């Protein structure tokens, strides 16, 4: 039964207001990033690209950007391999232990990020991984793997395992059958998970505040540090660039999820 017109209008209005509330910070930050003023002001008195030039021309900001990009790429690769393997193994095993392991793998999404950051800090302090690239990558792989597991599990639910069994009955071992038969059909889900792991590492702030340092400061950590000293529109320019990168990745992940639903 179709809902009354008034109810649909009320729901549409509510959804629109919520979306405006969520988008409002972007509508403020992006114009300020093009401001020609010395300090953050809204609306900007004039427009220029001086703060984007300040970002790209600053060696310290560029070093932080390289660290963030390197960590994000390594995280996407590591989390995709681990998460895909874990999701495949969990799908093959329908035991109660597998369900328990699924919950454990998703814990980084459940536990408050501050608690996770404190735990990672104390572990890394004992192992010498503080302020190192391997430490940043390992921490972000831990945080990004749940996205891959969730995405790949969804893709595997729509995959007929009998196809892999046929390939194995024809002489392929399990690994070759996975790469030849299963992986091509769940590729959109794997790509979606990798993209979400990438953007989660690129935007991660709390854990980076605890474990990043020296030459291995991420962009978000350096932004947080800069906010304590002086707030200038360079922060708005970087925020706009990160927002644009996140939007592009989300769109790509959505396209991948749509392709996963409709099939290859």
Foldseek 3Di string as FASTA:
>chain_A
DDDDPVVVVVVVVVVVVVVCVVCVVVVQLQCQLQAPDFARDPPHPDGHNVLVCVQVVDPLNVLQAVLLQVLLLLLLVLLLVVLLVLLVVLVVDPDPVSVVVLCVLCVLVVDPVLVVLVVLLVVCVVVVQFQHSVSLNVSLNSNLNNLLNVLLNVLVVPDDCVQLVVVVVVPDDNVVSCVVPVCVFSVLSSLLSSLSSSLCSSPDANSLCRRHDDSNRHNNNVLVVVVVPGHGSSSSNVVSVSVVSNVVSVVSNVVSVVCSVVTD
